[in-house]
Every structure is written in structure tokens, then in C-alpha cells.
Amino acid sequence: MGEDKDISDVSGLPDELGIDEDLGRAEQRLAVRVEERTYGKAMTIVEGFDDSSVDVGDLASTLKSQLATGGTVDEGRIELQGDHRERVGEILRDEGFNVGE
């Protein structure tokens, strides 16, 4: 008959479609804010990730390369050098995340 396929508990569809990852991203509400650090330098903070459904390190790499800036992942949040609130929100929405103010 048919092949055995892993079926998702969340969407009820085959895992290979990647629907769960998209649903997981859309259900998360991320917060983007700016902190002032030492010497008055701005640091954009992205937080609110569900660590089990998102590879925060990969997402941080994507953001850093698209923004041409440095940054790190610390305690499950992404920290980017500089004030990138507007652009980070756009990129995260394009990636399927729900971004709050």
C-alpha cells in the first residue's frame, strides 16, 4: 500500500511538509526592544522564543548577516549591535514570526 510517514501531532499532516515549524513560529509573540549599553551603545534585543521549536542560533546568524552587524545569543534571546528595531521586525515577519511592539 502506502509508505509509512511520520504524522504530526500538531497539524495532523506529514512531518516532511514542515507545517509544524511554520505554526510554531506564528504562535510565538516576539518582543523587539533596544537597550543602551556601555558607552551609550545601542543593543537590539529579540526575546520571547520557544526554544523547542526555533533554532535561535541559526536565526541569529540570519539576522546578523542580513543586517551586517555583530551580535550573540544569550539566555535564549538574540542581541544585535546597534538599533535595528524596524528592520529586525520586517525580517522576523518574513520568517513567519509574530512580532509585537
N, C-alpha and C. Protein backbone atom coordinates (compact mmCIF):
# COMPACT_ATOMS: atom_id res chain seq x y z
N MET A 1 0.83 -1.18 0.00
CA MET A 1 0.00 0.00 0.00
C MET A 1 0.87 1.24 0.00
N GLY A 2 0.69 2.15 0.98
CA GLY A 2 1.47 3.37 1.02
C GLY A 2 2.68 3.25 1.92
N GLU A 3 3.53 4.23 1.83
CA GLU A 3 4.70 4.25 2.68
C GLU A 3 4.31 4.72 4.07
N ASP A 4 5.08 4.28 5.09
CA ASP A 4 4.85 4.78 6.45
C ASP A 4 5.46 6.17 6.55
N LYS A 5 4.62 7.15 6.89
CA LYS A 5 5.10 8.52 7.05
C LYS A 5 4.81 8.97 8.46
N ASP A 6 5.72 9.77 9.01
CA ASP A 6 5.50 10.33 10.33
C ASP A 6 4.47 11.43 10.22
N ILE A 7 3.43 11.33 11.05
CA ILE A 7 2.34 12.29 11.04
C ILE A 7 2.48 13.18 12.27
N SER A 8 2.29 14.46 12.07
CA SER A 8 2.44 15.45 13.14
C SER A 8 1.29 15.38 14.13
N ASP A 9 1.61 15.50 15.41
CA ASP A 9 0.59 15.60 16.44
C ASP A 9 -0.10 16.96 16.42
N VAL A 10 0.58 17.97 15.92
CA VAL A 10 0.06 19.34 15.93
C VAL A 10 -0.87 19.58 14.75
N SER A 11 -0.39 19.34 13.53
CA SER A 11 -1.17 19.68 12.34
C SER A 11 -1.93 18.48 11.75
N GLY A 12 -1.52 17.25 12.09
CA GLY A 12 -2.15 16.07 11.51
C GLY A 12 -1.68 15.78 10.10
N LEU A 13 -0.68 16.50 9.63
CA LEU A 13 -0.13 16.33 8.28
C LEU A 13 1.24 15.68 8.37
N PRO A 14 1.75 15.14 7.25
CA PRO A 14 3.09 14.54 7.27
C PRO A 14 4.15 15.53 7.73
N ASP A 15 5.08 15.06 8.59
CA ASP A 15 6.15 15.90 9.13
C ASP A 15 6.99 16.53 8.03
N GLU A 16 7.16 15.82 6.90
CA GLU A 16 8.03 16.31 5.84
C GLU A 16 7.56 17.63 5.25
N LEU A 17 6.31 17.99 5.45
CA LEU A 17 5.81 19.26 4.92
C LEU A 17 6.31 20.46 5.71
N GLY A 18 6.76 20.24 6.95
CA GLY A 18 7.30 21.34 7.75
C GLY A 18 6.24 22.30 8.26
N ILE A 19 4.99 21.88 8.29
CA ILE A 19 3.90 22.74 8.73
C ILE A 19 4.05 23.11 10.20
N ASP A 20 4.46 22.16 11.04
CA ASP A 20 4.58 22.42 12.47
C ASP A 20 5.53 23.57 12.76
N GLU A 21 6.64 23.63 12.02
CA GLU A 21 7.62 24.69 12.25
C GLU A 21 6.98 26.05 11.95
N ASP A 22 6.23 26.13 10.85
CA ASP A 22 5.57 27.38 10.50
C ASP A 22 4.52 27.75 11.53
N LEU A 23 3.73 26.77 11.99
CA LEU A 23 2.72 27.03 13.00
C LEU A 23 3.37 27.47 14.30
N GLY A 24 4.46 26.82 14.67
CA GLY A 24 5.18 27.17 15.90
C GLY A 24 5.70 28.59 15.85
N ARG A 25 6.19 29.00 14.71
CA ARG A 25 6.70 30.36 14.58
C ARG A 25 5.57 31.38 14.68
N ALA A 26 4.46 31.10 14.02
CA ALA A 26 3.34 32.04 14.00
C ALA A 26 2.70 32.19 15.38
N GLU A 27 2.78 31.15 16.21
CA GLU A 27 2.17 31.20 17.54
C GLU A 27 3.03 31.94 18.54
N GLN A 28 4.31 32.12 18.25
CA GLN A 28 5.19 32.82 19.18
C GLN A 28 5.05 34.32 18.99
N ARG A 29 5.01 35.05 20.09
CA ARG A 29 4.95 36.51 20.03
C ARG A 29 6.30 37.03 20.54
N LEU A 30 7.08 37.54 19.61
CA LEU A 30 8.41 38.03 19.94
C LEU A 30 8.38 39.52 20.28
N ALA A 31 9.27 39.90 21.16
CA ALA A 31 9.41 41.31 21.53
C ALA A 31 10.76 41.80 21.02
N VAL A 32 10.76 42.98 20.40
CA VAL A 32 11.99 43.60 19.93
C VAL A 32 12.12 44.94 20.64
N ARG A 33 13.24 45.14 21.31
CA ARG A 33 13.47 46.40 22.03
C ARG A 33 14.94 46.79 21.93
N VAL A 34 15.24 48.00 22.33
CA VAL A 34 16.62 48.48 22.29
C VAL A 34 17.04 48.87 23.70
N GLU A 35 18.22 48.41 24.09
CA GLU A 35 18.83 48.78 25.37
C GLU A 35 20.05 49.63 25.09
N GLU A 36 20.34 50.52 26.01
CA GLU A 36 21.59 51.28 25.91
C GLU A 36 22.61 50.58 26.77
N ARG A 37 23.75 50.29 26.18
CA ARG A 37 24.80 49.58 26.89
C ARG A 37 25.96 50.52 27.21
N THR A 38 27.05 49.95 27.62
CA THR A 38 28.23 50.72 27.99
C THR A 38 28.62 51.71 26.91
N TYR A 39 29.01 52.89 27.30
CA TYR A 39 29.44 53.97 26.40
C TYR A 39 28.31 54.45 25.50
N GLY A 40 27.06 54.25 25.90
CA GLY A 40 25.93 54.75 25.13
C GLY A 40 25.63 53.98 23.85
N LYS A 41 26.17 52.78 23.71
CA LYS A 41 25.94 51.97 22.51
C LYS A 41 24.58 51.30 22.57
N ALA A 42 23.85 51.30 21.45
CA ALA A 42 22.54 50.66 21.37
C ALA A 42 22.70 49.16 21.10
N MET A 43 21.82 48.37 21.71
CA MET A 43 21.80 46.93 21.51
C MET A 43 20.34 46.52 21.29
N THR A 44 20.05 45.92 20.12
CA THR A 44 18.70 45.45 19.82
C THR A 44 18.52 44.07 20.43
N ILE A 45 17.46 43.89 21.21
CA ILE A 45 17.19 42.63 21.89
C ILE A 45 15.91 42.02 21.30
N VAL A 46 16.00 40.74 20.91
CA VAL A 46 14.83 39.99 20.42
C VAL A 46 14.63 38.85 21.39
N GLU A 47 13.43 38.81 22.03
CA GLU A 47 13.17 37.76 23.02
C GLU A 47 11.75 37.25 22.90
N GLY A 48 11.49 36.14 23.58
CA GLY A 48 10.17 35.53 23.57
C GLY A 48 10.14 34.24 22.77
N PHE A 49 11.30 33.66 22.50
CA PHE A 49 11.37 32.43 21.71
C PHE A 49 10.98 31.22 22.54
N ASP A 50 10.32 30.26 21.89
CA ASP A 50 10.09 28.94 22.46
C ASP A 50 11.25 28.10 21.95
N ASP A 51 12.22 27.85 22.82
CA ASP A 51 13.47 27.19 22.41
C ASP A 51 13.27 25.85 21.73
N SER A 52 12.18 25.15 22.01
CA SER A 52 11.99 23.82 21.44
C SER A 52 11.62 23.86 19.96
N SER A 53 11.06 24.97 19.49
CA SER A 53 10.61 24.99 18.10
C SER A 53 11.45 25.87 17.18
N VAL A 54 12.41 26.59 17.74
CA VAL A 54 13.21 27.51 16.93
C VAL A 54 14.69 27.32 17.25
N ASP A 55 15.51 27.26 16.21
CA ASP A 55 16.96 27.26 16.42
C ASP A 55 17.39 28.72 16.48
N VAL A 56 17.50 29.24 17.69
CA VAL A 56 17.79 30.66 17.90
C VAL A 56 19.15 31.02 17.32
N GLY A 57 20.11 30.11 17.39
CA GLY A 57 21.44 30.37 16.84
C GLY A 57 21.41 30.59 15.34
N ASP A 58 20.66 29.75 14.63
CA ASP A 58 20.54 29.90 13.17
C ASP A 58 19.83 31.20 12.82
N LEU A 59 18.78 31.52 13.57
CA LEU A 59 18.05 32.76 13.32
C LEU A 59 18.94 33.97 13.59
N ALA A 60 19.75 33.90 14.64
CA ALA A 60 20.67 35.00 14.95
C ALA A 60 21.67 35.19 13.82
N SER A 61 22.17 34.10 13.27
CA SER A 61 23.10 34.18 12.14
C SER A 61 22.44 34.84 10.93
N THR A 62 21.20 34.47 10.67
CA THR A 62 20.45 35.08 9.56
C THR A 62 20.31 36.58 9.77
N LEU A 63 19.89 36.98 10.96
CA LEU A 63 19.71 38.40 11.26
C LEU A 63 21.04 39.16 11.14
N LYS A 64 22.09 38.59 11.70
CA LYS A 64 23.39 39.27 11.66
C LYS A 64 23.88 39.46 10.24
N SER A 65 23.69 38.46 9.39
CA SER A 65 24.18 38.60 8.01
C SER A 65 23.32 39.58 7.22
N GLN A 66 21.99 39.56 7.42
CA GLN A 66 21.13 40.47 6.68
C GLN A 66 21.28 41.92 7.14
N LEU A 67 21.65 42.10 8.42
CA LEU A 67 21.81 43.45 8.95
C LEU A 67 23.27 43.92 8.92
N ALA A 68 24.17 43.04 8.55
CA ALA A 68 25.61 43.35 8.52
C ALA A 68 26.07 43.93 9.85
N THR A 69 25.77 43.18 10.91
CA THR A 69 26.14 43.63 12.25
C THR A 69 26.59 42.45 13.09
N GLY A 70 27.17 42.73 14.22
CA GLY A 70 27.57 41.69 15.15
C GLY A 70 26.46 41.42 16.15
N GLY A 71 26.60 40.33 16.87
CA GLY A 71 25.61 40.00 17.88
C GLY A 71 25.88 38.65 18.49
N THR A 72 24.99 38.25 19.38
CA THR A 72 25.15 36.99 20.09
C THR A 72 23.79 36.46 20.52
N VAL A 73 23.79 35.21 20.98
CA VAL A 73 22.62 34.62 21.62
C VAL A 73 22.96 34.46 23.08
N ASP A 74 22.12 35.00 23.97
CA ASP A 74 22.38 34.94 25.40
C ASP A 74 21.08 34.63 26.12
N GLU A 75 21.05 33.52 26.85
CA GLU A 75 19.89 33.11 27.63
C GLU A 75 18.61 33.04 26.79
N GLY A 76 18.71 32.50 25.58
CA GLY A 76 17.55 32.31 24.73
C GLY A 76 17.05 33.56 24.03
N ARG A 77 17.83 34.61 24.04
CA ARG A 77 17.45 35.83 23.33
C ARG A 77 18.58 36.24 22.39
N ILE A 78 18.22 36.98 21.36
CA ILE A 78 19.21 37.44 20.38
C ILE A 78 19.55 38.89 20.70
N GLU A 79 20.85 39.18 20.76
CA GLU A 79 21.33 40.54 21.00
C GLU A 79 22.14 40.98 19.78
N LEU A 80 21.72 42.08 19.16
CA LEU A 80 22.38 42.61 17.97
C LEU A 80 22.95 43.99 18.25
N GLN A 81 24.14 44.24 17.78
CA GLN A 81 24.78 45.54 17.99
C GLN A 81 24.11 46.60 17.13
N GLY A 82 23.68 47.68 17.77
CA GLY A 82 23.05 48.79 17.06
C GLY A 82 21.53 48.77 17.21
N ASP A 83 20.90 49.85 16.73
CA ASP A 83 19.44 49.97 16.79
C ASP A 83 18.85 49.51 15.46
N HIS A 84 18.30 48.29 15.46
CA HIS A 84 17.76 47.69 14.24
C HIS A 84 16.29 47.30 14.41
N ARG A 85 15.58 47.98 15.31
CA ARG A 85 14.19 47.61 15.63
C ARG A 85 13.33 47.42 14.38
N GLU A 86 13.32 48.41 13.53
CA GLU A 86 12.43 48.38 12.37
C GLU A 86 12.76 47.23 11.42
N ARG A 87 14.01 47.14 11.05
CA ARG A 87 14.44 46.12 10.08
C ARG A 87 14.32 44.71 10.65
N VAL A 88 14.64 44.54 11.94
CA VAL A 88 14.52 43.22 12.58
C VAL A 88 13.08 42.74 12.55
N GLY A 89 12.15 43.64 12.84
CA GLY A 89 10.73 43.29 12.79
C GLY A 89 10.32 42.80 11.41
N GLU A 90 10.78 43.49 10.37
CA GLU A 90 10.46 43.09 8.99
C GLU A 90 11.01 41.71 8.67
N ILE A 91 12.26 41.48 9.04
CA ILE A 91 12.91 40.19 8.74
C ILE A 91 12.20 39.06 9.49
N LEU A 92 11.89 39.28 10.75
CA LEU A 92 11.22 38.24 11.54
C LEU A 92 9.83 37.93 10.99
N ARG A 93 9.11 38.95 10.56
CA ARG A 93 7.79 38.71 9.95
C ARG A 93 7.94 37.91 8.66
N ASP A 94 8.96 38.23 7.87
CA ASP A 94 9.22 37.47 6.65
C ASP A 94 9.54 36.01 6.95
N GLU A 95 10.15 35.77 8.12
CA GLU A 95 10.49 34.40 8.53
C GLU A 95 9.29 33.68 9.13
N GLY A 96 8.16 34.38 9.29
CA GLY A 96 6.94 33.75 9.78
C GLY A 96 6.63 33.97 11.24
N PHE A 97 7.36 34.85 11.92
CA PHE A 97 7.13 35.11 13.33
C PHE A 97 6.10 36.22 13.53
N ASN A 98 5.46 36.21 14.69
CA ASN A 98 4.53 37.24 15.10
C ASN A 98 5.32 38.20 15.99
N VAL A 99 5.51 39.44 15.56
CA VAL A 99 6.35 40.39 16.29
C VAL A 99 5.48 41.47 16.90
N GLY A 100 5.59 41.64 18.23
CA GLY A 100 4.87 42.69 18.93
C GLY A 100 5.74 43.91 19.08
N GLU A 101 5.15 44.92 19.59
CA GLU A 101 5.90 46.18 19.82
C GLU A 101 6.44 46.22 21.21
